[in-house]
Amino acid sequence: MTAFHVMSGAGDVYTRPVVNKISVADVFDALRRGLDDFREKPSHYVFLCLMYPIAGIFLALATSSANLLPMIFPLISGFALIGPVAAIGLYEISRRREAGLDTSWRHALEVTRSPAFPSIIAGGLLLFGFFVVWLVAAQTLYSNVFGDVFPRSISLFFSEIFGTPEGIQLIIWGHLLGLGFAIIVLATTVVTFPLLLDRDVGLVCAMETSVRATVANPVPVFCWGLIIAVSLIVGTIPLFVGLALVMPVLGHASWHLYRKLVAPPVV
């Protein structure tokens, strides 16, 4: 595995990047910087992120049959679990702008040339596996509350969810379950993919650094997670079209938050 720089960096040496202490003000400054990156050439970034609303609408249509209706909310909310790796091209754009390099949208694809790309792929597969586990857990919860009887229409489905004691129970336990998944993913990926793009330290080291950054900055990282959750909810309301604006800003801001959380390497 070390040959693919997954367990360690390019030099087969396990390094431990230094983690900084930040404040909530730093989180909002990272968000502001992400918005500045988006404003630089928004048409390019919206073009790159059209996959998000398109994928969201596809997920909604795919679950329009009665048997799949209970998976609408888990699919939409679980979509955020793979966001950290899906935004890798946006990290590259922010990195290039920070370095004073050309920020044309085609450079977002240059991440495939990174020596850490195998680690990025491995991390992406890990997140996808986590996404699948979340869907299975959500389906199991629904079956435990409502049994194996599926709603016959979307109107009946919403009536069951919001108009019955079982539906309220499902909402409460579903949110608690989703919160647990979100905390784990946030803690293990808040700086993982930007760090891999910036330095070939290996996936294990990058995830361990992300956990250390979260433990050292619980309030700012929680605030960042809350910003992501609210932004994604707002972005999905207008038929997921808002995600084409929300996702680029969050992606760019994630890069700047990484810069604040992890100290640069000592030269």
Foldseek 3Di string as FASTA:
>chain_A
DVPLLAAFFPVSDFDAFDWDEDDLVLLVVLLVVLVVLCVVDVVLLLVLQVCQLVVLLVLVVVQQAQQRVLCNVLVLLLVVLLLLLSLLLLLQLLVQVVVVHDNGSVCSVVLCVQSQVSNSVVVNVVSVVLSVVSSVVLVVLCCVLPNSDTDRGNVVVVCPLPPDPSNVVSVVVNVVSSVVSLVLSLQQRLQQSSCCSVGSTHNVSSSVNSNVLCVSHVPSSVVLSVVLVVQSVVCPPVSNSNCSVSSSSNSSSSSSVNPNTTDDDDD
